[in-house]
Amino acid sequence: MALLLMIIASGPAWAEAVVLSSTAPGMKVGRVLADDETVSLPDATLTTVLLADGRVLKLRGPAEGKVAQLGAGEQMASASASGGWSGVDVSALGGTRGELTAALPAPGGNVSVDLHRAGTWCVTPQARVRAANDGAIKDTSTGRLIPISAGQPWPVPITDGATFLVHGANGVMPLRFRLMEDASLFRLARAGCLAQAGPVLRQVGASTTPFSLYLATDRGLTPRYAIGEQVTLILQANRPAHLACVLIKNGAMTRLFPTASGWTDLADHQEMRIPGDKMAVQVAATPPPGMGELRCYAVDGASNAALPELGQAPELLDAAFKAVPEAALAASHLFIRVQ
């Protein structure tokens, strides 16, 4: 498969990367791409990754290979050893460069552990660790079940790799601690401490990556179907979005969604298949034979943009979305041949 990277730059080799943003199915924020892992990015996808040395790279599919083999790519941004960022639109993160540095998740100070979600928490030996909610923890090293209340300090010593089974409102879930003296954003993500690192990873990803929508079918980007066959759509956006799709054939437009109940919500970094568990809309290859165009539009869920009325005329579609700010709109299309 061809390999297409956005930039070419010299610099030291790296072994691992953490996903900041991606429209490639299976690529979620915080996923660590190991040095021996073969990464496959489908055509027409956009993925942004954070390297261990603080550089941020943007990759476009199709691309395939191990992380170290992906070669050099355009440096979109970088973090200094002190944690400051360059090349990042920090205004989009709600502050100045100094404020962004201060906002980076740190394993020291006060760490509030959410007992309602499984996961890993990074702390320093000096950190003041407290429970964020009520529950009970079972120390796997001793077998003791210890009740704990919201705001209460962690009742047992924390060692690196210590694992507890939390008995709470959501059942029994594993909770693990990692001890470290200090941590970069990359190290927090690599250790699996996504409750702490996740929000900042998403912020950096959104600041360095345009809003994008991936659209494909179960037969790729140039599919062929026999009349009557079901078409499965595959979509992924890199931000939470409102989704609309239409099929244009022989000058006529069929609106697949939104349905009468309204626009469809598309979660970020989660592959959506249509039809699927979350949407039972059936898409079939209908007669007569010929070529049809599928268009999908996503409106950033965080924007205040009004969702347009799509109407029934394909020539009015672009006009319908003119009121949506360019940065809040992502569109994708493909052609389906019916034979």
Protein backbone atom coordinates (compact mmCIF):
# COMPACT_ATOMS: atom_id res chain seq x y z
CA MET A 1 0.00 0.00 0.00
CA ALA A 2 1.26 3.47 -0.82
CA LEU A 3 2.48 5.61 2.01
CA LEU A 4 1.51 9.27 2.01
CA LEU A 5 2.77 11.58 4.75
CA MET A 6 2.10 15.26 5.02
CA ILE A 7 5.63 16.48 5.49
CA ILE A 8 9.23 15.72 5.26
CA ALA A 9 11.60 16.84 7.98
CA SER A 10 14.84 15.64 9.44
CA GLY A 11 15.25 14.69 13.05
CA PRO A 12 16.00 11.83 15.44
CA ALA A 13 14.12 8.55 15.09
CA TRP A 14 11.31 7.71 17.48
CA ALA A 15 9.73 4.41 18.45
CA GLU A 16 6.27 5.13 19.78
CA ALA A 17 3.44 7.56 19.24
CA VAL A 18 0.16 8.45 20.96
CA VAL A 19 -2.96 9.22 18.94
CA LEU A 20 -4.28 12.76 19.42
CA SER A 21 -6.94 12.75 16.71
CA SER A 22 -8.00 10.41 13.92
CA THR A 23 -10.74 9.59 11.45
CA ALA A 24 -9.29 6.09 10.88
CA PRO A 25 -11.56 3.39 12.35
CA GLY A 26 -9.96 1.82 15.41
CA MET A 27 -7.79 4.85 16.14
CA LYS A 28 -8.93 6.37 19.43
CA VAL A 29 -7.49 9.27 21.41
CA GLY A 30 -4.76 8.00 23.72
CA ARG A 31 -4.04 4.81 21.78
CA VAL A 32 -0.31 4.03 21.99
CA LEU A 33 1.26 2.90 18.74
CA ALA A 34 4.14 0.61 19.74
CA ASP A 35 7.41 0.47 17.84
CA ASP A 36 6.73 -3.10 16.62
CA GLU A 37 3.08 -2.52 15.69
CA THR A 38 2.03 -2.44 12.05
CA VAL A 39 -0.25 0.55 11.58
CA SER A 40 -2.69 0.68 8.67
CA LEU A 41 -4.39 3.99 7.90
CA PRO A 42 -7.13 3.72 5.23
CA ASP A 43 -7.29 6.02 2.25
CA ALA A 44 -8.88 9.43 2.94
CA THR A 45 -8.24 9.29 6.70
CA LEU A 46 -6.43 11.89 8.80
CA THR A 47 -4.46 10.99 11.93
CA THR A 48 -2.46 13.23 14.26
CA VAL A 49 0.03 11.69 16.69
CA LEU A 50 2.21 12.86 19.58
CA LEU A 51 5.79 11.61 19.71
CA ALA A 52 7.83 10.93 22.83
CA ASP A 53 10.03 13.98 22.18
CA GLY A 54 6.97 16.26 22.08
CA ARG A 55 6.60 16.60 18.31
CA VAL A 56 3.15 16.40 16.78
CA LEU A 57 2.79 14.87 13.31
CA LYS A 58 -0.16 14.75 10.93
CA LEU A 59 -0.53 11.65 8.72
CA ARG A 60 -2.90 11.06 5.81
CA GLY A 61 -3.89 7.62 4.60
CA PRO A 62 -3.27 5.45 2.81
CA ALA A 63 -0.31 4.58 5.01
CA GLU A 64 0.94 1.27 6.33
CA GLY A 65 3.94 0.15 8.35
CA LYS A 66 5.52 0.13 11.78
CA VAL A 67 5.74 3.43 13.63
CA ALA A 68 9.50 3.66 13.12
CA GLN A 69 9.01 2.96 9.41
CA LEU A 70 6.53 5.75 8.86
CA GLY A 71 9.55 7.99 8.42
CA ALA A 72 9.78 11.69 9.07
CA GLY A 73 6.69 13.79 8.86
CA GLU A 74 5.83 17.45 9.06
CA GLN A 75 6.28 18.83 12.54
CA MET A 76 2.98 20.50 13.33
CA ALA A 77 3.87 21.45 16.92
CA SER A 78 6.28 20.58 19.69
CA ALA A 79 6.54 20.54 23.46
CA SER A 80 9.70 21.71 25.16
CA ALA A 81 11.29 19.80 28.01
CA SER A 82 9.58 22.16 30.42
CA GLY A 83 6.18 21.30 28.99
CA GLY A 84 5.58 24.46 26.96
CA TRP A 85 4.14 24.13 23.46
CA SER A 86 5.14 25.76 20.21
CA GLY A 87 3.15 25.61 17.00
CA VAL A 88 -0.13 24.97 18.82
CA ASP A 89 -3.05 27.37 18.67
CA VAL A 90 -3.25 27.71 22.44
CA SER A 91 -6.07 30.25 22.13
CA ALA A 92 -8.24 27.31 21.06
CA LEU A 93 -7.32 25.62 24.34
CA GLY A 94 -8.56 28.55 26.36
CA GLY A 95 -5.36 30.21 27.49
CA THR A 96 -1.86 31.46 26.88
CA ARG A 97 1.20 29.26 26.45
CA GLY A 98 1.99 29.59 30.16
CA GLU A 99 -1.56 28.68 31.10
CA LEU A 100 -1.44 25.64 28.82
CA THR A 101 1.79 24.50 30.47
CA ALA A 102 0.17 24.86 33.87
CA ALA A 103 -2.89 22.94 32.68
CA LEU A 104 -0.93 19.87 31.61
CA PRO A 105 -1.98 16.94 33.83
CA ALA A 106 0.47 16.27 36.63
CA PRO A 107 0.61 13.17 38.83
CA GLY A 108 1.53 15.24 41.88
CA GLY A 109 -0.51 17.44 44.22
CA ASN A 110 -4.16 16.47 44.71
CA VAL A 111 -5.34 13.51 42.63
CA SER A 112 -9.04 12.72 42.73
CA VAL A 113 -9.72 9.12 41.65
CA ASP A 114 -13.06 8.37 40.01
CA LEU A 115 -14.32 5.07 41.46
CA HIS A 116 -17.03 4.80 38.79
CA ARG A 117 -14.64 4.03 35.93
CA ALA A 118 -11.96 1.43 35.43
CA GLY A 119 -8.52 2.65 34.52
CA THR A 120 -5.01 3.59 35.53
CA TRP A 121 -3.99 6.61 37.59
CA CYS A 122 -0.53 8.19 37.63
CA VAL A 123 0.63 9.66 40.95
CA THR A 124 3.85 10.74 42.61
CA PRO A 125 4.92 9.27 45.96
CA GLN A 126 4.05 12.64 47.50
CA ALA A 127 0.61 12.99 45.86
CA ARG A 128 -2.49 13.42 48.02
CA VAL A 129 -4.82 10.79 46.58
CA ARG A 130 -8.53 10.94 47.41
CA ALA A 131 -11.67 9.15 46.26
CA ALA A 132 -13.99 11.19 44.05
CA ASN A 133 -17.07 9.15 45.05
CA ASP A 134 -18.31 6.48 47.46
CA GLY A 135 -17.51 2.81 47.10
CA ALA A 136 -15.38 0.01 48.45
CA ILE A 137 -11.95 -1.16 47.32
CA LYS A 138 -10.49 -4.63 47.49
CA ASP A 139 -6.73 -4.69 47.87
CA THR A 140 -5.66 -7.56 45.60
CA SER A 141 -2.44 -8.04 47.57
CA THR A 142 -4.27 -8.69 50.88
CA GLY A 143 -7.84 -9.52 49.82
CA ARG A 144 -9.26 -6.89 52.20
CA LEU A 145 -12.45 -5.05 51.22
CA ILE A 146 -12.24 -1.48 52.51
CA PRO A 147 -15.19 0.99 52.40
CA ILE A 148 -14.23 4.45 51.15
CA SER A 149 -16.18 7.74 50.98
CA ALA A 150 -15.95 10.66 48.56
CA GLY A 151 -13.14 12.99 49.63
CA GLN A 152 -11.50 10.40 51.85
CA PRO A 153 -7.74 9.91 51.50
CA TRP A 154 -6.71 6.60 49.93
CA PRO A 155 -6.74 4.19 52.89
CA VAL A 156 -3.79 1.95 51.94
CA PRO A 157 -0.24 2.66 50.73
CA ILE A 158 0.12 3.00 46.96
CA THR A 159 2.94 1.21 45.20
CA ASP A 160 3.81 1.17 41.49
CA GLY A 161 1.48 -1.25 39.74
CA ALA A 162 -0.83 -1.62 42.76
CA THR A 163 -4.22 -2.91 41.58
CA PHE A 164 -7.54 -2.63 43.39
CA LEU A 165 -10.99 -3.99 42.61
CA VAL A 166 -13.51 -1.19 43.10
CA HIS A 167 -17.00 -2.20 44.22
CA GLY A 168 -19.30 0.67 43.29
CA ALA A 169 -22.48 1.74 41.57
CA ASN A 170 -21.24 0.38 38.23
CA GLY A 171 -20.25 -3.05 39.54
CA VAL A 172 -16.72 -4.33 40.12
CA MET A 173 -13.94 -2.67 38.11
CA PRO A 174 -10.13 -2.80 38.23
CA LEU A 175 -8.21 0.31 39.21
CA ARG A 176 -4.43 0.52 38.90
CA PHE A 177 -1.79 3.01 40.05
CA ARG A 178 1.51 3.96 38.43
CA LEU A 179 4.13 5.83 40.46
CA MET A 180 6.32 8.41 38.73
CA GLU A 181 8.27 11.43 39.94
CA ASP A 182 7.14 13.60 37.04
CA ALA A 183 5.46 13.02 33.71
CA SER A 184 5.05 14.52 30.29
CA LEU A 185 1.74 14.27 28.48
CA PHE A 186 3.23 11.43 26.41
CA ARG A 187 4.35 9.49 29.49
CA LEU A 188 0.93 9.81 31.11
CA ALA A 189 -0.72 8.46 27.97
CA ARG A 190 1.86 5.69 27.58
CA ALA A 191 1.23 4.59 31.18
CA GLY A 192 -2.50 4.34 30.42
CA CYS A 193 -3.52 7.24 32.66
CA LEU A 194 -6.13 8.48 30.20
CA ALA A 195 -8.51 9.89 32.81
CA GLN A 196 -5.77 12.46 33.47
CA ALA A 197 -4.21 12.78 30.02
CA GLY A 198 -7.29 12.31 27.83
CA PRO A 199 -8.80 15.81 28.06
CA VAL A 200 -5.49 17.50 27.18
CA LEU A 201 -4.77 14.99 24.40
CA ARG A 202 -8.14 15.89 22.87
CA GLN A 203 -7.46 19.61 23.23
CA VAL A 204 -4.08 19.38 21.53
CA GLY A 205 -5.57 17.16 18.83
CA ALA A 206 -8.40 19.59 18.15
CA SER A 207 -5.99 22.52 18.07
CA THR A 208 -3.64 20.89 15.55
CA THR A 209 -6.14 18.97 13.39
CA PRO A 210 -9.01 20.25 11.24
CA PHE A 211 -12.48 18.86 11.82
CA SER A 212 -12.74 15.85 9.48
CA LEU A 213 -15.17 13.09 8.52
CA TYR A 214 -14.28 9.68 7.08
CA LEU A 215 -16.83 7.95 4.86
CA ALA A 216 -16.48 4.52 3.27
CA THR A 217 -18.54 1.39 2.60
CA ASP A 218 -18.00 -2.25 3.45
CA ARG A 219 -16.62 -2.50 -0.10
CA GLY A 220 -14.27 0.46 0.09
CA LEU A 221 -14.37 3.93 -1.45
CA THR A 222 -15.34 2.84 -4.98
CA PRO A 223 -17.94 0.15 -4.34
CA ARG A 224 -20.10 -1.84 -6.73
CA TYR A 225 -23.39 -3.45 -5.72
CA ALA A 226 -26.02 -5.55 -7.46
CA ILE A 227 -29.57 -4.23 -7.38
CA GLY A 228 -31.17 -5.09 -4.05
CA GLU A 229 -27.92 -5.62 -2.11
CA GLN A 230 -27.54 -3.89 1.23
CA VAL A 231 -24.95 -1.12 1.48
CA THR A 232 -23.09 -0.75 4.77
CA LEU A 233 -21.68 2.71 5.49
CA ILE A 234 -18.63 3.24 7.70
CA LEU A 235 -18.09 6.67 9.27
CA GLN A 236 -15.77 8.21 11.83
CA ALA A 237 -15.32 11.83 12.87
CA ASN A 238 -12.55 13.33 14.97
CA ARG A 239 -14.98 15.43 17.02
CA PRO A 240 -18.50 14.84 18.34
CA ALA A 241 -20.83 15.81 15.50
CA HIS A 242 -24.32 15.97 14.09
CA LEU A 243 -24.56 13.88 10.93
CA ALA A 244 -26.61 14.06 7.72
CA CYS A 245 -26.31 11.87 4.61
CA VAL A 246 -28.08 11.94 1.25
CA LEU A 247 -27.98 9.79 -1.89
CA ILE A 248 -28.11 11.56 -5.25
CA LYS A 249 -28.98 9.52 -8.34
CA ASN A 250 -30.34 10.55 -11.72
CA GLY A 251 -30.77 14.11 -10.48
CA ALA A 252 -33.01 13.08 -7.59
CA MET A 253 -32.02 13.21 -3.90
CA THR A 254 -32.95 10.67 -1.23
CA ARG A 255 -32.35 11.79 2.35
CA LEU A 256 -30.99 8.90 4.42
CA PHE A 257 -30.78 10.93 7.60
CA PRO A 258 -31.62 13.02 9.48
CA THR A 259 -34.87 11.15 9.87
CA ALA A 260 -38.14 12.63 11.02
CA SER A 261 -36.85 12.44 14.61
CA GLY A 262 -33.92 14.76 13.86
CA TRP A 263 -30.20 14.75 13.12
CA THR A 264 -28.04 11.77 14.03
CA ASP A 265 -25.35 12.19 16.70
CA LEU A 266 -21.90 10.85 15.85
CA ALA A 267 -19.46 10.29 18.71
CA ASP A 268 -15.85 11.27 18.11
CA HIS A 269 -13.22 8.59 17.42
CA GLN A 270 -15.81 5.83 17.32
CA GLU A 271 -16.52 3.92 14.15
CA MET A 272 -20.21 4.01 13.22
CA ARG A 273 -21.63 1.39 10.87
CA ILE A 274 -24.98 1.98 9.21
CA PRO A 275 -27.04 -0.12 9.55
CA GLY A 276 -25.77 -1.14 12.98
CA ASP A 277 -26.61 -1.28 16.66
CA LYS A 278 -26.90 2.51 16.93
CA MET A 279 -28.75 3.11 13.67
CA ALA A 280 -31.10 0.71 11.91
CA VAL A 281 -31.45 2.80 8.73
CA GLN A 282 -31.30 0.47 5.72
CA VAL A 283 -29.30 1.59 2.69
CA ALA A 284 -29.89 -0.56 -0.40
CA ALA A 285 -28.70 -0.51 -4.00
CA THR A 286 -31.93 0.39 -5.79
CA PRO A 287 -32.77 0.31 -9.50
CA PRO A 288 -32.13 1.49 -12.11
CA PRO A 289 -28.47 0.53 -12.69
CA GLY A 290 -26.02 3.41 -12.78
CA MET A 291 -23.91 5.66 -10.61
CA GLY A 292 -25.13 7.30 -7.40
CA GLU A 293 -23.35 9.84 -5.22
CA LEU A 294 -23.45 9.54 -1.45
CA ARG A 295 -22.80 12.78 0.44
CA CYS A 296 -22.39 13.06 4.20
CA TYR A 297 -22.13 16.26 6.22
CA ALA A 298 -20.99 16.59 9.84
CA VAL A 299 -21.53 19.71 11.96
CA ASP A 300 -19.23 20.08 14.98
CA GLY A 301 -21.28 19.27 18.05
CA ALA A 302 -19.39 21.88 20.12
CA SER A 303 -20.35 24.71 17.77
CA ASN A 304 -23.51 26.74 18.04
CA ALA A 305 -24.15 26.46 14.30
CA ALA A 306 -27.77 26.00 13.32
CA LEU A 307 -28.49 22.68 11.62
CA PRO A 308 -29.87 23.43 8.15
CA GLU A 309 -32.97 22.06 6.48
CA LEU A 310 -31.80 19.80 3.67
CA GLY A 311 -34.87 20.00 1.47
CA GLN A 312 -35.20 17.72 -1.57
CA ALA A 313 -33.11 19.43 -4.29
CA PRO A 314 -29.46 18.33 -4.59
CA GLU A 315 -28.46 21.64 -6.19
CA LEU A 316 -29.50 23.44 -3.00
CA LEU A 317 -27.38 21.33 -0.63
CA ASP A 318 -24.27 23.51 -0.69
CA ALA A 319 -26.36 26.61 -0.13
CA ALA A 320 -28.05 24.97 2.85
CA PHE A 321 -24.69 24.58 4.60
CA LYS A 322 -23.32 28.06 3.79
CA ALA A 323 -24.50 29.36 7.15
CA VAL A 324 -22.37 26.79 8.99
CA PRO A 325 -18.86 28.17 9.76
CA GLU A 326 -16.20 26.45 7.67
CA ALA A 327 -14.28 25.24 10.75
CA ALA A 328 -17.45 23.59 12.12
CA LEU A 329 -18.33 21.69 8.93
CA ALA A 330 -16.82 18.46 7.58
CA ALA A 331 -18.09 16.82 4.40
CA SER A 332 -17.24 13.64 2.56
CA HIS A 333 -18.64 11.86 -0.49
CA LEU A 334 -18.21 8.75 -2.60
CA PHE A 335 -19.78 7.17 -5.67
CA ILE A 336 -21.69 3.89 -5.60
CA ARG A 337 -22.14 1.90 -8.81
CA VAL A 338 -25.30 -0.18 -9.04
CA GLN A 339 -25.25 -2.91 -11.69
